[in-house]
C-alpha atoms as a PDB file:
ATOM      1  CA  MET A   1     185.876  62.877 119.514  1.00  0.00           C
ATOM      2  CA  LEU A   2     189.487  62.049 118.747  1.00  0.00           C
ATOM      3  CA  ILE A   3     191.964  60.576 121.286  1.00  0.00           C
ATOM      4  CA  PRO A   4     195.744  60.852 120.686  1.00  0.00           C
ATOM      5  CA  CYS A   5     197.050  57.446 121.310  1.00  0.00           C
ATOM      6  CA  PRO A   6     200.790  57.607 122.178  1.00  0.00           C
ATOM      7  CA  VAL A   7     201.333  54.291 120.218  1.00  0.00           C
ATOM      8  CA  CYS A   8     198.796  54.610 117.238  1.00  0.00           C
ATOM      9  CA  GLY A   9     198.392  58.404 116.830  1.00  0.00           C
ATOM     10  CA  LEU A  10     195.091  60.250 116.596  1.00  0.00           C
ATOM     11  CA  ARG A  11     192.209  57.871 116.570  1.00  0.00           C
ATOM     12  CA  ASP A  12     188.418  58.002 116.760  1.00  0.00           C
ATOM     13  CA  VAL A  13     186.803  57.587 120.203  1.00  0.00           C
ATOM     14  CA  GLY A  14     185.016  54.485 118.777  1.00  0.00           C
ATOM     15  CA  GLU A  15     188.275  52.563 119.067  1.00  0.00           C
ATOM     16  CA  PHE A  16     188.500  53.061 122.776  1.00  0.00           C
ATOM     17  CA  THR A  17     186.692  51.777 125.899  1.00  0.00           C
ATOM     18  CA  TYR A  18     186.023  54.225 128.841  1.00  0.00           C
ATOM     19  CA  TRP A  19     187.211  52.774 132.222  1.00  0.00           C
ATOM     20  CA  GLY A  20     186.438  55.624 134.477  1.00  0.00           C
ATOM     21  CA  ASP A  21     187.995  58.431 136.576  1.00  0.00           C
ATOM     22  CA  ALA A  22     191.766  58.230 136.810  1.00  0.00           C
ATOM     23  CA  GLY A  23     191.746  60.016 140.147  1.00  0.00           C
ATOM     24  CA  VAL A  24     189.750  57.450 142.139  1.00  0.00           C
ATOM     25  CA  LYS A  25     191.891  55.425 144.663  1.00  0.00           C
ATOM     26  CA  ARG A  26     190.794  51.757 145.058  1.00  0.00           C
ATOM     27  CA  PRO A  27     190.714  50.427 148.679  1.00  0.00           C
ATOM     28  CA  SER A  28     193.048  47.532 149.446  1.00  0.00           C
ATOM     29  CA  HIS A  29     191.753  44.243 148.311  1.00  0.00           C
ATOM     30  CA  ARG A  30     192.271  43.121 151.872  1.00  0.00           C
ATOM     31  CA  GLU A  31     189.637  45.646 153.114  1.00  0.00           C
ATOM     32  CA  LYS A  32     186.645  43.722 154.563  1.00  0.00           C
ATOM     33  CA  GLU A  33     184.480  46.574 155.882  1.00  0.00           C
ATOM     34  CA  ALA A  34     181.977  48.113 153.509  1.00  0.00           C
ATOM     35  CA  GLY A  35     182.855  51.726 154.584  1.00  0.00           C
ATOM     36  CA  PRO A  36     185.820  52.315 152.214  1.00  0.00           C
ATOM     37  CA  TRP A  37     184.240  50.436 149.358  1.00  0.00           C
ATOM     38  CA  ILE A  38     180.855  52.465 149.229  1.00  0.00           C
ATOM     39  CA  PRO A  39     182.576  55.666 147.989  1.00  0.00           C
ATOM     40  CA  TYR A  40     184.785  53.772 145.564  1.00  0.00           C
ATOM     41  CA  VAL A  41     181.981  51.865 143.977  1.00  0.00           C
ATOM     42  CA  TYR A  42     178.929  54.401 144.161  1.00  0.00           C
ATOM     43  CA  GLU A  43     180.192  57.931 144.566  1.00  0.00           C
ATOM     44  CA  ARG A  44     181.631  59.669 141.545  1.00  0.00           C
ATOM     45  CA  LYS A  45     182.106  63.432 140.983  1.00  0.00           C
ATOM     46  CA  ASN A  46     180.877  65.033 137.907  1.00  0.00           C
ATOM     47  CA  PRO A  47     183.530  67.532 137.199  1.00  0.00           C
ATOM     48  CA  ARG A  48     183.314  70.589 134.913  1.00  0.00           C
ATOM     49  CA  GLY A  49     186.350  71.428 132.797  1.00  0.00           C
ATOM     50  CA  GLU A  50     189.668  69.351 132.801  1.00  0.00           C
ATOM     51  CA  HIS A  51     189.381  65.749 134.063  1.00  0.00           C
ATOM     52  CA  LYS A  52     191.695  62.855 133.962  1.00  0.00           C
ATOM     53  CA  GLU A  53     190.151  59.610 132.686  1.00  0.00           C
ATOM     54  CA  ILE A  54     191.265  55.997 131.966  1.00  0.00           C
ATOM     55  CA  TRP A  55     190.722  54.677 128.399  1.00  0.00           C
ATOM     56  CA  GLN A  56     191.731  51.452 126.845  1.00  0.00           C
ATOM     57  CA  HIS A  57     192.506  51.504 123.082  1.00  0.00           C
ATOM     58  CA  GLU A  58     190.588  48.302 122.739  1.00  0.00           C
ATOM     59  CA  HIS A  59     190.354  48.114 118.868  1.00  0.00           C
ATOM     60  CA  GLY A  60     193.940  49.196 118.442  1.00  0.00           C
ATOM     61  CA  CYS A  61     197.157  48.648 120.378  1.00  0.00           C
ATOM     62  CA  ARG A  62     195.094  47.672 123.542  1.00  0.00           C
ATOM     63  CA  GLN A  63     197.074  49.885 125.781  1.00  0.00           C
ATOM     64  CA  PHE A  64     195.573  51.776 128.764  1.00  0.00           C
ATOM     65  CA  LEU A  65     195.824  55.434 128.632  1.00  0.00           C
ATOM     66  CA  ILE A  66     195.344  58.387 131.011  1.00  0.00           C
ATOM     67  CA  ALA A  67     193.618  61.103 129.030  1.00  0.00           C
ATOM     68  CA  THR A  68     192.984  64.620 130.119  1.00  0.00           C
ATOM     69  CA  ARG A  69     189.684  65.749 128.712  1.00  0.00           C
ATOM     70  CA  ASN A  70     187.599  68.892 128.962  1.00  0.00           C
ATOM     71  CA  THR A  71     184.230  67.689 129.921  1.00  0.00           C
ATOM     72  CA  GLU A  72     182.508  70.872 128.695  1.00  0.00           C
ATOM     73  CA  THR A  73     183.994  70.797 125.106  1.00  0.00           C
ATOM     74  CA  HIS A  74     184.921  67.082 124.965  1.00  0.00           C
ATOM     75  CA  GLU A  75     188.375  68.087 123.674  1.00  0.00           C
ATOM     76  CA  VAL A  76     191.070  65.604 124.702  1.00  0.00           C
ATOM     77  CA  LEU A  77     194.085  67.696 125.654  1.00  0.00           C
ATOM     78  CA  ASN A  78     196.697  64.943 125.943  1.00  0.00           C
ATOM     79  CA  ALA A  79     196.912  61.285 126.610  1.00  0.00           C
ATOM     80  CA  ALA A  80     199.803  59.273 127.990  1.00  0.00           C
ATOM     81  CA  LEU A  81     200.365  55.477 128.630  1.00  0.00           C
ATOM     82  CA  ALA A  82     198.949  54.519 132.002  1.00  0.00           C
ATOM     83  CA  GLY A  83     201.173  52.827 134.586  1.00  0.00           C
ATOM     84  CA  PRO A  84     200.016  49.945 136.825  1.00  0.00           C
ATOM     85  CA  PHE A  85     196.694  50.666 138.558  1.00  0.00           C
ATOM     86  CA  GLY A  86     193.898  49.079 140.380  1.00  0.00           C
ATOM     87  CA  GLY A  87     195.936  47.125 142.914  1.00  0.00           C
ATOM     88  CA  ASP A  88     197.692  47.727 146.079  1.00  0.00           C
ATOM     89  CA  GLU A  89     200.985  49.670 145.795  1.00  0.00           C
END
């Protein structure tokens, strides 16, 4: 599988690390109840078709990317640099 890094160009997937679903919203770090954390940690969809994912070009420019990938064909349709994620807005 090849991933089009916006910085380095088309690269082999072996240079990247998969970080997960780009559509999952993290609960606030201030959240103390288990309720909102259970779906975030344990429940994931297994989509068929186009899906947005977070990848890091770990063995390259080290940038985080949001890639749109077809889960049936493994074709990466596009990739863009990711903005800030993982924290409170």
